Amino acid sequence: MKINSGEYKYRKLEIPEGIRPTTEKVREAVFSMVREWIPDAVVVDLFAGSGSLGLEALSRGAAKCYFNEGDRRNFRVLMNNVNNCKAGDKAVCTNSDFRQCLGRINEKVDVIFMDPPYRDGYYEEAFELVEEYELMEEGSIIIAEHLYDNPLPETMGRFSRIKEKRYGTIGVDVYIAE
């Protein structure tokens, strides 16, 4: 797997064992949908795995990315990928539960990539915490990847779905803060 576009284009990414990374095709489609939010954005890759979503955002001009990966082995792979892209000066990497990660962010964020393990869900709780910690202003977005057969609600708190796409068995929903 590699970065599709931008400053880190063609950099290869290591994929941790046992995870389901967002494919290059889906990543390209996602970034086509949200390209206007990326330049100079503060981004969160909440369930980072390899870090492909956050690194793609940095490669395309995001100013900063908070990467969070809860599994220690996967976190080592994430750090290798961040270092391989020479993105350390724009990256804040944490190896913690997503709840703790959200609680430690002390600035407004523009974009959150939410691609949790499908079997565990976490969507509703993560959206609630983003609101509770007041991390996003009106017009900021959350991109939620899920199994298409398990649709997410039209609204979650003050977030409303503005885009919904299907890529095989994968659904990608874009929510905007109102």
Protein backbone atom coordinates (compact mmCIF):
# COMPACT_ATOMS: atom_id res chain seq x y z
CA MET A 1 0.00 0.00 0.00
CA LYS A 2 1.21 3.50 -0.77
CA ILE A 3 0.24 7.17 -0.45
CA ASN A 4 -1.83 8.22 -3.49
CA SER A 5 -1.11 11.92 -3.90
CA GLY A 6 0.77 14.96 -2.66
CA GLU A 7 4.05 15.46 -0.84
CA TYR A 8 4.41 11.80 0.23
CA LYS A 9 3.11 10.32 -3.03
CA TYR A 10 4.34 6.77 -3.71
CA ARG A 11 5.71 6.30 -0.18
CA LYS A 12 5.05 2.73 0.82
CA LEU A 13 3.12 2.02 3.99
CA GLU A 14 3.59 -0.99 6.19
CA ILE A 15 0.29 -2.63 7.18
CA PRO A 16 -0.05 -4.14 10.66
CA GLU A 17 -1.08 -7.78 10.84
CA GLY A 18 -4.75 -8.46 11.44
CA ILE A 19 -6.14 -5.05 10.47
CA ARG A 20 -8.33 -4.08 7.55
CA PRO A 21 -6.71 -0.99 6.03
CA THR A 22 -8.67 1.47 3.93
CA THR A 23 -7.78 0.50 0.36
CA GLU A 24 -6.03 2.93 -1.97
CA LYS A 25 -9.16 3.07 -4.14
CA VAL A 26 -11.44 3.98 -1.22
CA ARG A 27 -8.89 6.49 0.13
CA GLU A 28 -8.71 8.20 -3.26
CA ALA A 29 -12.53 8.40 -3.40
CA VAL A 30 -12.74 9.74 0.16
CA PHE A 31 -10.20 12.47 -0.52
CA SER A 32 -12.03 13.42 -3.71
CA MET A 33 -15.17 13.94 -1.59
CA VAL A 34 -13.50 16.03 1.13
CA ARG A 35 -10.61 17.76 -0.67
CA GLU A 36 -11.87 21.26 0.17
CA TRP A 37 -11.53 20.59 3.93
CA ILE A 38 -7.94 19.26 3.82
CA PRO A 39 -5.58 22.20 3.07
CA ASP A 40 -4.17 23.63 6.33
CA ALA A 41 -6.55 21.45 8.38
CA VAL A 42 -6.01 19.98 11.81
CA VAL A 43 -6.93 16.32 11.34
CA VAL A 44 -7.51 13.35 13.64
CA ASP A 45 -6.98 9.76 12.48
CA LEU A 46 -8.76 8.27 15.49
CA PHE A 47 -8.37 4.53 14.82
CA ALA A 48 -5.18 4.95 12.82
CA GLY A 49 -3.90 1.41 12.20
CA SER A 50 -1.22 2.04 9.56
CA GLY A 51 -1.98 5.77 9.56
CA SER A 52 -2.88 5.77 5.87
CA LEU A 53 -5.78 8.24 6.19
CA GLY A 54 -3.89 10.75 8.30
CA LEU A 55 -0.72 10.47 6.23
CA GLU A 56 -2.73 10.93 3.04
CA ALA A 57 -4.25 14.08 4.59
CA LEU A 58 -0.81 15.44 5.54
CA SER A 59 0.50 14.59 2.09
CA ARG A 60 -2.35 16.62 0.57
CA GLY A 61 -1.69 19.70 2.67
CA ALA A 62 -3.17 19.24 6.14
CA ALA A 63 -1.20 21.23 8.71
CA LYS A 64 -1.27 18.68 11.54
CA CYS A 65 -2.59 15.21 12.32
CA TYR A 66 -3.34 13.52 15.61
CA PHE A 67 -2.84 9.79 15.08
CA ASN A 68 -4.23 7.37 17.63
CA GLU A 69 -3.78 3.62 17.66
CA GLY A 70 -4.75 1.54 20.69
CA ASP A 71 -2.79 -1.64 19.89
CA ARG A 72 0.90 -1.47 20.85
CA ARG A 73 2.14 -3.61 17.91
CA ASN A 74 0.09 -1.62 15.42
CA PHE A 75 1.35 1.60 17.02
CA ARG A 76 4.95 0.61 16.22
CA VAL A 77 3.96 0.13 12.57
CA LEU A 78 2.18 3.49 12.60
CA MET A 79 5.31 5.19 13.96
CA ASN A 80 7.45 3.53 11.27
CA ASN A 81 5.07 4.85 8.59
CA VAL A 82 5.08 8.39 10.04
CA ASN A 83 8.89 8.32 10.16
CA ASN A 84 9.15 6.86 6.64
CA CYS A 85 7.07 9.78 5.34
CA LYS A 86 9.18 12.21 7.40
CA ALA A 87 5.92 13.56 8.84
CA GLY A 88 7.00 13.68 12.49
CA ASP A 89 6.96 17.48 12.66
CA LYS A 90 3.24 17.50 11.70
CA ALA A 91 2.19 14.42 13.68
CA VAL A 92 1.07 13.87 17.25
CA CYS A 93 0.97 10.11 17.85
CA THR A 94 -0.69 8.42 20.80
CA ASN A 95 -0.98 4.79 21.77
CA SER A 96 -4.17 4.91 23.81
CA ASP A 97 -7.86 4.23 23.86
CA PHE A 98 -9.78 6.54 21.51
CA ARG A 99 -11.60 8.05 24.49
CA GLN A 100 -8.32 9.14 26.08
CA CYS A 101 -7.03 10.47 22.78
CA LEU A 102 -10.06 12.70 22.25
CA GLY A 103 -9.78 13.98 25.82
CA ARG A 104 -6.15 15.05 25.29
CA ILE A 105 -6.69 17.16 22.17
CA ASN A 106 -6.54 20.78 23.25
CA GLU A 107 -7.38 22.58 20.01
CA LYS A 108 -10.20 22.70 17.48
CA VAL A 109 -9.98 20.13 14.71
CA ASP A 110 -11.31 20.41 11.18
CA VAL A 111 -11.51 16.78 10.08
CA ILE A 112 -11.82 13.48 11.95
CA PHE A 113 -11.34 10.14 10.22
CA MET A 114 -13.30 7.51 12.12
CA ASP A 115 -12.58 3.98 10.93
CA PRO A 116 -13.00 1.81 14.04
CA PRO A 117 -12.99 -1.98 14.08
CA TYR A 118 -16.37 -2.71 12.53
CA ARG A 119 -17.31 -5.42 14.98
CA ASP A 120 -16.88 -3.05 17.94
CA GLY A 121 -18.76 -0.03 16.62
CA TYR A 122 -17.80 2.97 18.76
CA TYR A 123 -19.40 5.48 16.37
CA GLU A 124 -22.04 6.90 18.70
CA GLU A 125 -19.67 7.13 21.65
CA ALA A 126 -16.96 8.81 19.57
CA PHE A 127 -19.41 11.37 18.17
CA GLU A 128 -20.68 12.10 21.70
CA LEU A 129 -17.14 12.65 23.00
CA VAL A 130 -16.27 14.97 20.11
CA GLU A 131 -19.29 17.08 21.15
CA GLU A 132 -18.59 16.82 24.87
CA TYR A 133 -14.99 18.00 24.43
CA GLU A 134 -16.11 20.71 21.96
CA LEU A 135 -13.45 19.67 19.46
CA MET A 136 -15.18 20.84 16.29
CA GLU A 137 -16.71 24.09 15.12
CA GLU A 138 -19.58 24.52 12.70
CA GLY A 139 -18.55 23.34 9.24
CA SER A 140 -16.00 20.77 10.44
CA ILE A 141 -16.43 17.19 9.23
CA ILE A 142 -16.23 13.59 10.39
CA ILE A 143 -15.64 10.86 7.81
CA ALA A 144 -16.98 7.54 9.13
CA GLU A 145 -16.12 4.28 7.39
CA HIS A 146 -18.36 1.29 8.16
CA LEU A 147 -19.83 -1.87 6.69
CA TYR A 148 -22.43 -0.77 4.16
CA ASP A 149 -24.86 -3.37 5.53
CA ASN A 150 -24.68 -1.64 8.93
CA PRO A 151 -25.77 1.90 8.03
CA LEU A 152 -25.13 4.80 10.37
CA PRO A 153 -27.91 7.22 11.37
CA GLU A 154 -28.68 10.33 9.33
CA THR A 155 -27.73 12.52 12.30
CA MET A 156 -25.58 12.03 15.39
CA GLY A 157 -25.89 14.84 17.89
CA ARG A 158 -25.17 18.08 16.08
CA PHE A 159 -23.67 16.26 13.11
CA SER A 160 -25.69 15.66 9.93
CA ARG A 161 -24.74 13.34 7.10
CA ILE A 162 -24.01 15.30 3.91
CA LYS A 163 -22.54 12.50 1.78
CA GLU A 164 -22.95 8.74 1.68
CA LYS A 165 -21.04 6.47 -0.69
CA ARG A 166 -20.69 2.74 -1.19
CA TYR A 167 -17.50 0.97 -2.25
CA GLY A 168 -18.32 -2.73 -2.42
CA THR A 169 -19.05 -3.81 1.15
CA ILE A 170 -17.73 -0.53 2.61
CA GLY A 171 -19.83 2.54 3.35
CA VAL A 172 -18.31 5.99 3.80
CA ASP A 173 -20.43 8.73 5.37
CA VAL A 174 -19.41 12.36 5.72
CA TYR A 175 -20.98 14.29 8.60
CA ILE A 176 -20.81 18.05 9.09
CA ALA A 177 -20.98 19.90 12.40
CA GLU A 178 -23.91 22.30 12.57
